[in-house]
Each structure stands twice: as C-alpha cells, then as structure tokens.
Amino acid sequence: VPKPIKQKKVSKVQVWAIARDKLKQEYAEKGIMTCEMRLEGCLNNNFLGFAHRYKRNDSRCEHTFQRTVLACVSCHEKTEYNRELNEKVFTILRGQA
C-alpha cells in the first residue's frame, strides 16, 4: 500500500507573498507606480505598499487589482482605521464593491 502524499500547508504569509509579486507585475503593466490615493501628506512614490479594500482578516479580502490600491504609508495609515474614507477612496478608484 503506497503512503499517502503529505500536503504542504501554505501559510497566509506565503499566500500574500505570491499574490504581492503578481500584483506588482499587474500594477507595473498598467503603469501604476505611485500612490493612487493622493490624500493630504501623500508621499507620492516613497514607502509604497498595497492597501486592501477590506482588512486582510476579513473573509471578503482578496489579493486582486480590484480589491487593492497602491498607496504610500501615509495615505494607507489614514484609511486603515477609517472605514468610511477607505470605502470612499476605493469607490472612486475601483468602483462599487
């Protein structure tokens, strides 16, 4: 009797690392290389990362272009704990959820 093949468990960190690499490529192909939010105090093209429409622990969170925006740390911080501002920014940039 052959031994069952052991499935490797993929961590959330590994899933995000793979998704982030794909997002970087997709954003570059679309020519998006600076902060999309442009809120007051925006750092434009410094300290960039991906802001999610929904927090990463929310089941609706997806690592897709439609559910992320490229944001500097300053703008990301402003929307991180302000759900109303976050939804407003995403609706402007990506349309309704």
C-alpha atoms as a PDB file:
ATOM      1  CA  VAL A   1       0.000   0.000   0.000  1.00  0.00           C
ATOM      2  CA  PRO A   2       1.559   3.323  -1.045  1.00  0.00           C
ATOM      3  CA  LYS A   3       1.967   6.026   1.549  1.00  0.00           C
ATOM      4  CA  PRO A   4      -0.434   8.954   1.177  1.00  0.00           C
ATOM      5  CA  ILE A   5       1.164  12.102  -0.177  1.00  0.00           C
ATOM      6  CA  LYS A   6       1.505  14.677   2.555  1.00  0.00           C
ATOM      7  CA  GLN A   7       0.042  18.057   1.598  1.00  0.00           C
ATOM      8  CA  LYS A   8       2.231  21.009   2.498  1.00  0.00           C
ATOM      9  CA  LYS A   9       0.342  23.671   4.406  1.00  0.00           C
ATOM     10  CA  VAL A  10       0.772  27.111   2.877  1.00  0.00           C
ATOM     11  CA  SER A  11       0.770  29.954   5.383  1.00  0.00           C
ATOM     12  CA  LYS A  12      -1.128  33.226   4.925  1.00  0.00           C
ATOM     13  CA  VAL A  13       2.248  34.954   4.682  1.00  0.00           C
ATOM     14  CA  GLN A  14       3.283  32.705   1.780  1.00  0.00           C
ATOM     15  CA  VAL A  15      -0.055  33.243   0.016  1.00  0.00           C
ATOM     16  CA  TRP A  16       0.336  37.022   0.377  1.00  0.00           C
ATOM     17  CA  ALA A  17       3.972  36.941  -0.840  1.00  0.00           C
ATOM     18  CA  ILE A  18       2.926  35.138  -4.026  1.00  0.00           C
ATOM     19  CA  ALA A  19      -0.082  37.435  -4.553  1.00  0.00           C
ATOM     20  CA  ARG A  20       2.042  40.549  -3.907  1.00  0.00           C
ATOM     21  CA  ASP A  21       4.509  39.538  -6.623  1.00  0.00           C
ATOM     22  CA  LYS A  22       1.626  39.095  -9.092  1.00  0.00           C
ATOM     23  CA  LEU A  23       0.116  42.438  -8.075  1.00  0.00           C
ATOM     24  CA  LYS A  24       3.457  44.226  -8.539  1.00  0.00           C
ATOM     25  CA  GLN A  25       3.608  42.913 -12.087  1.00  0.00           C
ATOM     26  CA  GLU A  26      -0.029  43.800 -12.827  1.00  0.00           C
ATOM     27  CA  TYR A  27       0.330  47.343 -11.482  1.00  0.00           C
ATOM     28  CA  ALA A  28       3.553  47.849 -13.461  1.00  0.00           C
ATOM     29  CA  GLU A  29       1.813  46.651 -16.645  1.00  0.00           C
ATOM     30  CA  LYS A  30      -0.949  49.213 -16.001  1.00  0.00           C
ATOM     31  CA  GLY A  31       1.661  51.932 -15.422  1.00  0.00           C
ATOM     32  CA  ILE A  32       0.686  52.480 -11.787  1.00  0.00           C
ATOM     33  CA  MET A  33       3.935  53.228  -9.977  1.00  0.00           C
ATOM     34  CA  THR A  34       2.931  55.944  -7.472  1.00  0.00           C
ATOM     35  CA  CYS A  35       0.401  56.336  -4.670  1.00  0.00           C
ATOM     36  CA  GLU A  36      -3.122  56.256  -6.073  1.00  0.00           C
ATOM     37  CA  MET A  37      -4.822  57.772  -3.021  1.00  0.00           C
ATOM     38  CA  ARG A  38      -3.132  61.192  -3.098  1.00  0.00           C
ATOM     39  CA  LEU A  39      -4.523  62.279   0.278  1.00  0.00           C
ATOM     40  CA  GLU A  40      -3.092  65.218   2.220  1.00  0.00           C
ATOM     41  CA  GLY A  41       0.510  64.468   3.211  1.00  0.00           C
ATOM     42  CA  CYS A  42       0.933  61.902   0.420  1.00  0.00           C
ATOM     43  CA  LEU A  43       4.496  60.664  -0.089  1.00  0.00           C
ATOM     44  CA  ASN A  44       3.803  60.045  -3.818  1.00  0.00           C
ATOM     45  CA  ASN A  45       6.359  57.360  -4.738  1.00  0.00           C
ATOM     46  CA  ASN A  46       8.012  56.654  -1.372  1.00  0.00           C
ATOM     47  CA  PHE A  47       7.200  53.810   1.023  1.00  0.00           C
ATOM     48  CA  LEU A  48       4.622  52.184  -1.269  1.00  0.00           C
ATOM     49  CA  GLY A  49       2.555  49.127  -0.459  1.00  0.00           C
ATOM     50  CA  PHE A  50      -0.826  47.633  -1.229  1.00  0.00           C
ATOM     51  CA  ALA A  51      -3.886  48.780   0.687  1.00  0.00           C
ATOM     52  CA  HIS A  52      -6.804  46.356   0.714  1.00  0.00           C
ATOM     53  CA  ARG A  53     -10.443  47.341   0.409  1.00  0.00           C
ATOM     54  CA  TYR A  54     -11.189  45.006   3.307  1.00  0.00           C
ATOM     55  CA  LYS A  55      -8.816  44.156   6.135  1.00  0.00           C
ATOM     56  CA  ARG A  56      -6.784  41.032   5.479  1.00  0.00           C
ATOM     57  CA  ASN A  57      -8.557  39.138   8.274  1.00  0.00           C
ATOM     58  CA  ASP A  58     -11.948  39.812   6.592  1.00  0.00           C
ATOM     59  CA  SER A  59     -13.302  36.911   4.527  1.00  0.00           C
ATOM     60  CA  ARG A  60     -14.089  39.381   1.687  1.00  0.00           C
ATOM     61  CA  CYS A  61     -10.412  40.292   1.378  1.00  0.00           C
ATOM     62  CA  GLU A  62      -8.941  39.296  -1.965  1.00  0.00           C
ATOM     63  CA  HIS A  63      -5.455  39.981  -3.253  1.00  0.00           C
ATOM     64  CA  THR A  64      -6.661  41.294  -6.619  1.00  0.00           C
ATOM     65  CA  PHE A  65      -6.315  44.551  -8.536  1.00  0.00           C
ATOM     66  CA  GLN A  66      -9.992  45.320  -7.918  1.00  0.00           C
ATOM     67  CA  ARG A  67      -9.603  44.887  -4.155  1.00  0.00           C
ATOM     68  CA  THR A  68      -6.259  46.689  -3.705  1.00  0.00           C
ATOM     69  CA  VAL A  69      -4.727  50.077  -4.428  1.00  0.00           C
ATOM     70  CA  LEU A  70      -1.105  51.152  -4.436  1.00  0.00           C
ATOM     71  CA  ALA A  71      -0.647  53.523  -1.504  1.00  0.00           C
ATOM     72  CA  CYS A  72       2.156  55.269   0.329  1.00  0.00           C
ATOM     73  CA  VAL A  73       2.382  54.554   4.042  1.00  0.00           C
ATOM     74  CA  SER A  74       0.943  57.979   4.905  1.00  0.00           C
ATOM     75  CA  CYS A  75      -2.246  57.523   2.857  1.00  0.00           C
ATOM     76  CA  HIS A  76      -2.571  53.861   3.855  1.00  0.00           C
ATOM     77  CA  GLU A  77      -2.431  54.826   7.529  1.00  0.00           C
ATOM     78  CA  LYS A  78      -5.183  57.423   7.060  1.00  0.00           C
ATOM     79  CA  THR A  79      -7.565  54.877   5.528  1.00  0.00           C
ATOM     80  CA  GLU A  80      -6.565  51.860   7.626  1.00  0.00           C
ATOM     81  CA  TYR A  81      -8.818  52.670  10.571  1.00  0.00           C
ATOM     82  CA  ASN A  82     -11.269  54.983   8.819  1.00  0.00           C
ATOM     83  CA  ARG A  83     -13.638  52.599   7.023  1.00  0.00           C
ATOM     84  CA  GLU A  84     -15.703  55.458   5.575  1.00  0.00           C
ATOM     85  CA  LEU A  85     -12.678  57.159   3.989  1.00  0.00           C
ATOM     86  CA  ASN A  86     -11.337  53.795   2.827  1.00  0.00           C
ATOM     87  CA  GLU A  87     -14.624  52.925   1.091  1.00  0.00           C
ATOM     88  CA  LYS A  88     -14.833  56.391  -0.473  1.00  0.00           C
ATOM     89  CA  VAL A  89     -11.301  56.101  -1.909  1.00  0.00           C
ATOM     90  CA  PHE A  90     -11.923  52.585  -3.240  1.00  0.00           C
ATOM     91  CA  THR A  91     -15.250  53.561  -4.803  1.00  0.00           C
ATOM     92  CA  ILE A  92     -13.560  56.450  -6.630  1.00  0.00           C
ATOM     93  CA  LEU A  93     -10.586  54.362  -7.783  1.00  0.00           C
ATOM     94  CA  ARG A  94     -12.162  50.932  -8.351  1.00  0.00           C
ATOM     95  CA  GLY A  95     -15.934  51.440  -8.366  1.00  0.00           C
ATOM     96  CA  GLN A  96     -18.554  49.834  -6.134  1.00  0.00           C
ATOM     97  CA  ALA A  97     -17.631  46.691  -4.206  1.00  0.00           C
END
